[in-house]
Amino acid sequence: MMVAATRLPVIAICGTTGVGKSQLAVELALHLSKTAPNRARIINADAMQCYAGMDIITNKMPEAQRHGVEHLLMGFKQPGEQYVVGQWVQDSMKAIEETHKQNKIPIVVGGTSYWIQHLLFPNRLSQSELHLLDLFNSLPEHPPSASDDPKLALSLHKLLSCLDPKIAMRWHWRDTRKVLRNIEIVRETGRIPSLILGEQSKERVKTRYAILLFPFNPILIIDQRYRALCYWLYAEPEVLNPRLDARIDEMIEAGLLNEIKEMRRIAIAGPNDDTFNRDTDYTLGYKEFHEYLTTQDPSDRLFLESVDSMKHSTRKYAKRQISWLRNKFLPVVNEANAEGFLTPTYVLDATDPEQPCMIEEGTQWEAHRKTKVHRRLASKENRVQMQMMMKAEKQAERRMKRSSPQLPGGLGSHLPNASESSGQVIFQAT
């Protein structure tokens, strides 16, 4: 496992749709470039912004607003081309390495927080993904039909992606025979296929499937790929929702319907590609305007219903993003810090989109502490920290019983809560 000092530094910005992540990333890159020109590069972590020709519906930042800051992994895939988390992680790792070779700082930003988590914390099954462990221990005898049982087919491909991303990238999720066979190789040999092919180091394998070696008492090993400084850009729903509604109105004025029509033309003219259909269904606005764009007699009423439907779906999506960050991403950060790693993570108040600020600071922090959101998060954070401290104390007691009377080290480390933090962040690129 890498020593922390040898890990490359990365800045990661996550948050809900429409909260101002892209703007913050550009402003941060420009600030870092005050000491030297073009000091930072931005790496896209939005699953749908990877595709070309979907600029309005995915709300890509226009070139003029990027102010010359280089953006990577954006608009470089064609609609319908399969692009999954394992592929993006590999491409991002290459981009980060190239960025540091240029003596620049990589800023990873996007709303697909699941991707960011797998980039920063590899080889990790989250608590919500432990059903994949059950699937690993009870694999089907025969490859399922992707048409008859797409849920199982997708779960098998996701399991293979967790075990061996390089091999998973080679096979489409519908090719269940190849996917299942590669999973069986792991179970039968205890080795991942890419290692057998000589493509993966022993150290990464050690952490990748340690959880699978102890199926009755899973060991969740959390490795950390980079020295990461994380920002969660957050705005209260009562402030964010009207902002999202206004943004949708602006998207419609900018030509959203024409872009959706072009996407529909590609879907109809091209092959019957489940990947394209699935990706477009996940794109907010495509499904919501389907009836309006396909009816023989489109009416103003139907148009307004489609607009309202898109606004409603967008607000629900933002709510899910907040839930995911709170319940999945932050626990991984906490567990990683409990293991001795340091991933400073700060919540930024994006209530004013022109000036996001760290809510750990001064009077703004005191005002935020009075909100319901803070009280709820603080209560949960305190419970998590208490559990971590109890766990660390038990580990220390076990070490004392096994070793000499002198207790080496302390009781472990934990992520400080906001009230313990000075709010200052020092980030130095190597």
Protein backbone atom coordinates (compact mmCIF):
# COMPACT_ATOMS: atom_id res chain seq x y z
CA MET A 1 0.00 0.00 0.00
CA MET A 2 1.34 3.44 -0.91
CA VAL A 3 2.68 5.73 1.75
CA ALA A 4 0.55 8.87 2.08
CA ALA A 5 3.47 11.15 1.23
CA THR A 6 3.89 9.49 -2.18
CA ARG A 7 0.30 9.98 -3.27
CA LEU A 8 -0.37 12.66 -5.84
CA PRO A 9 -2.57 15.55 -4.69
CA VAL A 10 -6.01 16.04 -6.22
CA ILE A 11 -8.81 18.52 -5.61
CA ALA A 12 -12.33 17.06 -5.88
CA ILE A 13 -15.55 19.10 -6.06
CA CYS A 14 -18.90 17.37 -5.72
CA GLY A 15 -22.47 18.42 -5.08
CA THR A 16 -25.93 18.51 -6.59
CA THR A 17 -26.90 19.58 -10.07
CA GLY A 18 -27.16 23.34 -10.54
CA VAL A 19 -25.28 24.23 -7.35
CA GLY A 20 -22.32 25.90 -9.11
CA LYS A 21 -19.63 23.19 -9.13
CA SER A 22 -18.26 24.05 -12.58
CA GLN A 23 -18.06 27.76 -11.78
CA LEU A 24 -16.20 27.06 -8.53
CA ALA A 25 -13.77 24.75 -10.34
CA VAL A 26 -12.95 27.42 -12.95
CA GLU A 27 -12.54 30.15 -10.33
CA LEU A 28 -10.30 27.87 -8.25
CA ALA A 29 -8.20 27.03 -11.33
CA LEU A 30 -7.84 30.73 -12.16
CA HIS A 31 -6.85 31.50 -8.57
CA LEU A 32 -4.20 28.79 -8.63
CA SER A 33 -2.93 30.21 -11.93
CA LYS A 34 -2.08 33.56 -10.35
CA THR A 35 1.39 32.30 -9.47
CA ALA A 36 1.97 30.73 -12.90
CA PRO A 37 -0.12 30.58 -16.10
CA ASN A 38 -2.41 27.57 -16.61
CA ARG A 39 -1.61 26.10 -13.20
CA ALA A 40 -4.61 23.73 -13.11
CA ARG A 41 -6.67 21.46 -15.35
CA ILE A 42 -10.28 20.40 -14.80
CA ILE A 43 -11.31 16.74 -15.18
CA ASN A 44 -15.00 16.15 -15.83
CA ALA A 45 -16.78 13.74 -13.47
CA ASP A 46 -20.28 14.03 -14.89
CA ALA A 47 -21.39 10.82 -16.61
CA MET A 48 -23.55 12.55 -19.22
CA GLN A 49 -21.20 15.46 -19.97
CA CYS A 50 -18.76 12.91 -21.40
CA TYR A 51 -20.96 12.73 -24.51
CA ALA A 52 -20.79 15.07 -27.49
CA GLY A 53 -23.82 16.93 -28.84
CA MET A 54 -25.62 17.09 -25.49
CA ASP A 55 -24.38 20.48 -24.33
CA ILE A 56 -27.66 22.09 -23.28
CA ILE A 57 -29.45 19.11 -21.74
CA THR A 58 -26.39 18.23 -19.62
CA ASN A 59 -25.68 21.91 -18.88
CA LYS A 60 -22.06 21.90 -19.98
CA MET A 61 -20.20 25.09 -19.18
CA PRO A 62 -19.83 27.13 -22.39
CA GLU A 63 -16.31 27.69 -23.70
CA ALA A 64 -16.51 31.43 -23.02
CA GLN A 65 -17.17 30.80 -19.32
CA ARG A 66 -14.19 28.46 -18.98
CA HIS A 67 -11.79 31.40 -19.35
CA GLY A 68 -9.17 29.29 -21.07
CA VAL A 69 -9.01 26.63 -18.35
CA GLU A 70 -8.45 23.23 -19.95
CA HIS A 71 -11.31 20.74 -19.48
CA LEU A 72 -10.62 17.02 -19.92
CA LEU A 73 -12.94 14.02 -20.49
CA MET A 74 -15.79 16.23 -21.67
CA GLY A 75 -17.75 15.73 -24.90
CA PHE A 76 -15.33 13.09 -26.20
CA LYS A 77 -17.73 10.14 -26.47
CA GLN A 78 -20.51 9.66 -29.00
CA PRO A 79 -24.08 9.07 -27.76
CA GLY A 80 -24.66 5.33 -27.55
CA GLU A 81 -20.99 4.55 -26.91
CA GLN A 82 -20.66 2.56 -23.70
CA TYR A 83 -18.68 4.38 -21.02
CA VAL A 84 -18.80 3.03 -17.48
CA VAL A 85 -17.18 3.92 -14.18
CA GLY A 86 -14.17 1.61 -14.65
CA GLN A 87 -13.30 3.22 -17.97
CA TRP A 88 -13.68 6.71 -16.55
CA VAL A 89 -11.46 5.89 -13.56
CA GLN A 90 -8.71 4.62 -15.85
CA ASP A 91 -8.98 7.69 -18.10
CA SER A 92 -8.98 10.00 -15.08
CA MET A 93 -5.91 8.34 -13.61
CA LYS A 94 -4.06 8.93 -16.88
CA ALA A 95 -5.26 12.55 -16.98
CA ILE A 96 -4.16 13.14 -13.37
CA GLU A 97 -0.73 11.65 -14.04
CA GLU A 98 -0.29 13.75 -17.19
CA THR A 99 -1.43 16.85 -15.30
CA HIS A 100 1.20 16.39 -12.61
CA LYS A 101 3.88 15.74 -15.22
CA GLN A 102 3.02 19.22 -16.52
CA ASN A 103 3.44 20.52 -12.96
CA LYS A 104 -0.25 21.40 -12.78
CA ILE A 105 -2.99 20.62 -10.28
CA PRO A 106 -5.92 18.36 -11.28
CA ILE A 107 -9.39 19.46 -10.23
CA VAL A 108 -11.98 16.68 -10.53
CA VAL A 109 -15.50 18.08 -10.65
CA GLY A 110 -18.92 16.65 -11.45
CA GLY A 111 -22.25 15.47 -10.16
CA THR A 112 -21.56 11.74 -10.58
CA SER A 113 -20.17 11.37 -7.06
CA TYR A 114 -20.13 7.58 -7.45
CA TRP A 115 -17.36 8.02 -10.01
CA ILE A 116 -15.38 10.36 -7.76
CA GLN A 117 -15.61 7.89 -4.88
CA HIS A 118 -14.23 5.04 -6.97
CA LEU A 119 -11.43 7.28 -8.23
CA LEU A 120 -10.35 8.34 -4.75
CA PHE A 121 -11.10 5.10 -2.89
CA PRO A 122 -10.45 2.07 -5.12
CA ASN A 123 -11.20 -1.55 -4.41
CA ARG A 124 -14.11 -0.86 -2.13
CA LEU A 125 -17.64 -2.26 -1.94
CA SER A 126 -19.91 0.17 -0.13
CA GLN A 127 -22.39 -1.09 2.43
CA SER A 128 -25.18 -0.71 -0.12
CA GLU A 129 -23.23 -2.92 -2.53
CA LEU A 130 -22.75 -5.84 -0.17
CA HIS A 131 -25.50 -7.65 -2.07
CA LEU A 132 -22.81 -8.15 -4.70
CA LEU A 133 -20.93 -10.25 -2.15
CA ASP A 134 -24.00 -12.48 -1.86
CA LEU A 135 -24.11 -12.68 -5.64
CA PHE A 136 -20.41 -13.65 -5.73
CA ASN A 137 -21.03 -16.47 -3.26
CA SER A 138 -24.08 -17.78 -5.15
CA LEU A 139 -23.36 -17.29 -8.83
CA PRO A 140 -25.93 -18.61 -11.34
CA GLU A 141 -25.02 -21.93 -12.96
CA HIS A 142 -25.74 -20.59 -16.43
CA PRO A 143 -25.37 -17.11 -17.94
CA PRO A 144 -28.68 -15.25 -17.64
CA SER A 145 -30.36 -13.72 -20.65
CA ALA A 146 -29.78 -9.96 -20.68
CA SER A 147 -33.13 -9.48 -22.36
CA ASP A 148 -35.10 -11.65 -19.92
CA ASP A 149 -33.26 -10.64 -16.74
CA PRO A 150 -31.45 -7.32 -17.31
CA LYS A 151 -31.23 -6.61 -13.56
CA LEU A 152 -29.16 -9.75 -12.93
CA ALA A 153 -27.05 -9.11 -16.03
CA LEU A 154 -26.24 -5.59 -14.86
CA SER A 155 -25.47 -6.81 -11.32
CA LEU A 156 -23.03 -9.39 -12.68
CA HIS A 157 -21.26 -6.73 -14.73
CA LYS A 158 -21.13 -4.40 -11.72
CA LEU A 159 -19.63 -7.20 -9.64
CA LEU A 160 -16.97 -7.81 -12.28
CA SER A 161 -16.28 -4.05 -12.37
CA CYS A 162 -15.64 -4.11 -8.62
CA LEU A 163 -13.38 -7.15 -8.91
CA ASP A 164 -11.48 -6.31 -12.07
CA PRO A 165 -12.30 -2.99 -13.83
CA LYS A 166 -9.83 -3.64 -16.65
CA ILE A 167 -11.50 -6.89 -17.64
CA ALA A 168 -14.99 -5.46 -17.10
CA MET A 169 -14.24 -2.76 -19.67
CA ARG A 170 -13.68 -5.44 -22.31
CA TRP A 171 -17.16 -6.91 -22.12
CA HIS A 172 -20.57 -5.35 -22.61
CA TRP A 173 -22.97 -5.99 -19.76
CA ARG A 174 -25.20 -7.96 -22.16
CA ASP A 175 -22.40 -10.47 -22.83
CA THR A 176 -23.30 -12.41 -19.71
CA ARG A 177 -21.37 -15.52 -20.76
CA LYS A 178 -18.01 -13.70 -20.76
CA VAL A 179 -18.87 -11.67 -17.66
CA LEU A 180 -19.90 -14.72 -15.65
CA ARG A 181 -16.86 -16.71 -16.76
CA ASN A 182 -14.44 -14.02 -15.56
CA ILE A 183 -16.16 -13.86 -12.17
CA GLU A 184 -15.90 -17.64 -11.93
CA ILE A 185 -12.15 -17.38 -12.56
CA VAL A 186 -11.82 -15.14 -9.50
CA ARG A 187 -13.81 -17.52 -7.33
CA GLU A 188 -12.04 -20.64 -8.57
CA THR A 189 -8.45 -19.36 -8.55
CA GLY A 190 -8.48 -16.54 -6.03
CA ARG A 191 -6.84 -14.35 -8.65
CA ILE A 192 -8.34 -11.72 -10.93
CA PRO A 193 -8.15 -12.31 -14.70
CA SER A 194 -6.09 -9.21 -15.48
CA LEU A 195 -3.43 -10.41 -13.03
CA ILE A 196 -3.34 -13.74 -14.79
CA LEU A 197 -2.75 -11.79 -17.99
CA GLY A 198 0.08 -9.92 -16.27
CA GLU A 199 -1.69 -6.54 -16.33
CA GLN A 200 -2.10 -5.74 -12.65
CA SER A 201 0.24 -5.40 -9.68
CA LYS A 202 0.06 -7.72 -6.69
CA GLU A 203 -0.46 -4.88 -4.24
CA ARG A 204 -3.70 -3.73 -5.86
CA VAL A 205 -5.01 -7.28 -6.01
CA LYS A 206 -4.33 -7.71 -2.32
CA THR A 207 -6.74 -4.92 -1.45
CA ARG A 208 -9.17 -5.48 -4.29
CA TYR A 209 -10.62 -8.82 -3.29
CA ALA A 210 -9.74 -9.07 0.38
CA ILE A 211 -13.44 -8.62 1.09
CA LEU A 212 -14.13 -11.76 -0.91
CA LEU A 213 -11.59 -13.89 0.96
CA PHE A 214 -13.60 -13.58 4.16
CA PRO A 215 -17.22 -13.99 3.01
CA PHE A 216 -18.54 -14.72 6.51
CA ASN A 217 -16.73 -11.81 8.14
CA PRO A 218 -16.09 -9.28 5.39
CA ILE A 219 -13.05 -7.06 5.78
CA LEU A 220 -13.79 -3.72 4.14
CA ILE A 221 -10.34 -2.50 3.16
CA ILE A 222 -10.31 1.13 2.09
CA ASP A 223 -7.31 2.18 0.08
CA GLN A 224 -6.76 5.74 -1.01
CA ARG A 225 -5.35 6.47 -4.43
CA TYR A 226 -4.58 10.18 -3.99
CA ARG A 227 -4.09 12.88 -1.39
CA ALA A 228 -7.47 14.42 -1.91
CA LEU A 229 -8.91 17.72 -0.82
CA CYS A 230 -12.70 17.44 -1.17
CA TYR A 231 -15.29 20.17 -1.37
CA TRP A 232 -19.00 19.46 -1.11
CA LEU A 233 -20.87 22.42 -2.57
CA TYR A 234 -24.22 22.61 -0.82
CA ALA A 235 -27.30 24.85 -0.97
CA GLU A 236 -30.48 24.56 1.07
CA PRO A 237 -33.33 23.01 -1.00
CA GLU A 238 -35.53 26.06 -0.54
CA VAL A 239 -32.78 28.12 -2.21
CA LEU A 240 -31.63 25.52 -4.74
CA ASN A 241 -35.03 24.49 -6.11
CA PRO A 242 -36.03 27.91 -7.53
CA ARG A 243 -32.54 28.15 -9.01
CA LEU A 244 -33.03 24.78 -10.73
CA ASP A 245 -36.42 25.85 -12.09
CA ALA A 246 -34.95 29.05 -13.51
CA ARG A 247 -32.09 27.12 -15.10
CA ILE A 248 -34.53 24.83 -16.91
CA ASP A 249 -36.34 27.86 -18.32
CA GLU A 250 -32.99 29.15 -19.57
CA MET A 251 -32.17 25.77 -21.13
CA ILE A 252 -35.47 25.80 -23.04
CA GLU A 253 -34.76 29.30 -24.36
CA ALA A 254 -31.26 28.16 -25.40
CA GLY A 255 -32.67 25.37 -27.61
CA LEU A 256 -33.22 22.38 -25.36
CA LEU A 257 -36.06 20.97 -27.47
CA ASN A 258 -33.97 21.04 -30.65
CA GLU A 259 -31.23 19.12 -28.87
CA ILE A 260 -33.73 16.51 -27.63
CA LYS A 261 -35.11 16.16 -31.17
CA GLU A 262 -31.59 15.48 -32.45
CA MET A 263 -31.06 12.86 -29.73
CA ARG A 264 -34.31 11.20 -30.76
CA ARG A 265 -33.22 11.25 -34.40
CA ILE A 266 -29.96 9.48 -33.47
CA ALA A 267 -31.90 6.89 -31.42
CA ILE A 268 -34.29 6.16 -34.31
CA ALA A 269 -31.72 6.17 -37.12
CA GLY A 270 -29.07 4.17 -35.29
CA PRO A 271 -29.03 0.52 -34.24
CA ASN A 272 -31.28 -0.64 -31.42
CA ASP A 273 -28.69 0.10 -28.76
CA ASP A 274 -29.75 -0.49 -25.16
CA THR A 275 -26.77 1.55 -23.97
CA PHE A 276 -27.96 4.67 -25.78
CA ASN A 277 -31.55 4.20 -24.66
CA ARG A 278 -30.48 3.70 -21.06
CA ASP A 279 -28.19 6.75 -21.09
CA THR A 280 -30.78 9.03 -22.64
CA ASP A 281 -33.42 7.85 -20.18
CA TYR A 282 -31.11 8.96 -17.37
CA THR A 283 -30.76 12.40 -18.97
CA LEU A 284 -33.16 14.84 -17.34
CA GLY A 285 -35.53 16.25 -19.94
CA TYR A 286 -35.43 13.45 -22.52
CA LYS A 287 -38.26 11.37 -21.05
CA GLU A 288 -40.17 14.36 -19.75
CA PHE A 289 -40.64 15.83 -23.26
CA HIS A 290 -41.24 12.49 -24.99
CA GLU A 291 -45.02 12.79 -25.17
CA TYR A 292 -44.95 16.42 -26.27
CA LEU A 293 -42.49 15.71 -29.10
CA THR A 294 -44.22 12.55 -30.34
CA THR A 295 -47.89 13.52 -30.21
CA GLN A 296 -49.69 14.41 -33.41
CA ASP A 297 -51.23 17.48 -31.80
CA PRO A 298 -48.78 19.14 -29.36
CA SER A 299 -50.56 21.70 -27.19
CA ASP A 300 -49.46 24.47 -24.88
CA ARG A 301 -50.92 22.51 -21.99
CA LEU A 302 -48.82 19.46 -22.82
CA PHE A 303 -45.73 21.65 -23.18
CA LEU A 304 -46.24 23.21 -19.75
CA GLU A 305 -46.82 19.76 -18.23
CA SER A 306 -43.53 18.58 -19.74
CA VAL A 307 -41.71 21.61 -18.34
CA ASP A 308 -43.20 21.00 -14.88
CA SER A 309 -42.31 17.32 -15.11
CA MET A 310 -38.68 18.14 -15.93
CA LYS A 311 -38.47 20.60 -13.05
CA HIS A 312 -39.96 18.05 -10.66
CA SER A 313 -37.55 15.33 -11.84
CA THR A 314 -34.59 17.67 -11.47
CA ARG A 315 -35.51 18.57 -7.91
CA LYS A 316 -35.89 14.88 -7.04
CA TYR A 317 -32.52 14.13 -8.65
CA ALA A 318 -30.84 16.85 -6.56
CA LYS A 319 -32.39 15.37 -3.43
CA ARG A 320 -31.02 11.92 -4.34
CA GLN A 321 -27.57 13.40 -4.91
CA ILE A 322 -27.57 14.96 -1.44
CA SER A 323 -28.69 11.66 0.08
CA TRP A 324 -25.96 9.78 -1.76
CA LEU A 325 -23.21 12.12 -0.61
CA ARG A 326 -24.44 12.06 2.97
CA ASN A 327 -25.10 8.33 3.28
CA LYS A 328 -22.47 6.80 1.02
CA PHE A 329 -19.61 9.16 0.20
CA LEU A 330 -19.07 10.69 3.64
CA PRO A 331 -19.08 7.31 5.45
CA VAL A 332 -16.32 6.14 3.12
CA VAL A 333 -14.32 9.28 3.94
CA ASN A 334 -14.85 8.68 7.66
CA GLU A 335 -13.81 5.03 7.41
CA ALA A 336 -10.73 5.96 5.38
CA ASN A 337 -9.69 8.49 8.02
CA ALA A 338 -10.30 5.91 10.74
CA GLU A 339 -7.78 3.68 8.96
CA GLY A 340 -5.18 6.44 9.25
CA PHE A 341 -5.64 8.26 5.94
CA LEU A 342 -6.37 11.95 5.70
CA THR A 343 -8.97 13.24 3.27
CA PRO A 344 -9.98 16.71 4.44
CA THR A 345 -13.57 17.32 3.32
CA TYR A 346 -15.28 20.67 3.61
CA VAL A 347 -18.87 21.73 3.03
CA LEU A 348 -19.17 25.00 1.12
CA ASP A 349 -22.26 27.15 1.48
CA ALA A 350 -23.54 27.80 -2.06
CA THR A 351 -26.60 29.76 -1.02
CA ASP A 352 -25.06 32.73 -2.82
CA PRO A 353 -23.81 31.26 -6.14
CA GLU A 354 -21.55 34.26 -6.68
CA GLN A 355 -19.58 33.66 -3.51
CA PRO A 356 -19.52 30.15 -2.04
CA CYS A 357 -17.89 30.13 1.37
CA MET A 358 -16.71 27.54 3.83
CA ILE A 359 -19.47 27.12 6.36
CA GLU A 360 -16.88 26.26 9.00
CA GLU A 361 -15.93 29.91 9.32
CA GLY A 362 -17.07 32.71 11.62
CA THR A 363 -20.58 34.09 11.78
CA GLN A 364 -21.66 32.22 8.65
CA TRP A 365 -20.84 28.95 10.37
CA GLU A 366 -22.73 30.03 13.50
CA ALA A 367 -25.75 30.87 11.34
CA HIS A 368 -25.56 27.53 9.56
CA ARG A 369 -25.42 25.66 12.86
CA LYS A 370 -28.96 26.87 13.59
CA THR A 371 -30.42 25.28 10.47
CA LYS A 372 -32.28 21.96 10.56
CA VAL A 373 -29.90 20.49 7.99
CA HIS A 374 -26.87 21.18 10.16
CA ARG A 375 -28.48 19.81 13.32
CA ARG A 376 -29.45 16.62 11.49
CA LEU A 377 -26.01 16.16 9.91
CA ALA A 378 -24.18 17.07 13.12
CA SER A 379 -26.18 14.52 15.10
CA LYS A 380 -25.39 11.81 12.58
CA GLU A 381 -21.73 12.84 12.41
CA ASN A 382 -21.42 12.66 16.19
CA ARG A 383 -22.87 9.14 16.18
CA VAL A 384 -20.44 8.08 13.47
CA GLN A 385 -17.48 9.57 15.32
CA MET A 386 -18.54 7.92 18.58
CA GLN A 387 -18.71 4.55 16.81
CA MET A 388 -15.28 5.14 15.28
CA MET A 389 -13.76 6.09 18.64
CA MET A 390 -15.26 3.02 20.31
CA LYS A 391 -13.91 0.87 17.50
CA ALA A 392 -10.46 2.44 17.86
CA GLU A 393 -10.48 1.88 21.62
CA LYS A 394 -11.37 -1.78 21.17
CA GLN A 395 -8.58 -2.16 18.62
CA ALA A 396 -6.16 -0.54 21.06
CA GLU A 397 -7.26 -2.90 23.84
CA ARG A 398 -6.67 -5.90 21.59
CA ARG A 399 -3.21 -4.61 20.68
CA MET A 400 -2.37 -4.21 24.37
CA LYS A 401 -3.34 -7.80 25.08
CA ARG A 402 -1.21 -9.10 22.21
CA SER A 403 1.83 -6.90 22.74
CA SER A 404 4.01 -5.49 25.50
CA PRO A 405 2.63 -3.22 28.23
CA GLN A 406 3.75 -0.19 26.20
CA LEU A 407 0.94 0.81 23.86
CA PRO A 408 2.40 1.90 20.52
CA GLY A 409 0.75 4.88 18.89
CA GLY A 410 -2.56 6.32 19.93
CA LEU A 411 -6.13 5.33 19.62
CA GLY A 412 -6.30 6.10 15.91
CA SER A 413 -7.52 9.14 14.09
CA HIS A 414 -10.90 10.36 13.00
CA LEU A 415 -12.24 13.06 10.77
CA PRO A 416 -12.74 16.20 12.89
CA ASN A 417 -16.16 17.74 12.78
CA ALA A 418 -16.65 21.29 11.61
CA SER A 419 -16.55 22.76 15.11
CA GLU A 420 -13.07 21.27 15.63
CA SER A 421 -11.74 22.58 12.33
CA SER A 422 -10.06 25.92 11.86
CA GLY A 423 -11.59 26.11 8.40
CA GLN A 424 -8.16 26.69 6.89
CA VAL A 425 -6.99 24.49 4.04
CA ILE A 426 -3.39 24.23 2.95
CA PHE A 427 -2.92 22.42 -0.34
CA GLN A 428 0.51 22.09 -1.89
CA ALA A 429 1.12 20.36 -5.20
CA THR A 430 4.19 18.21 -5.57
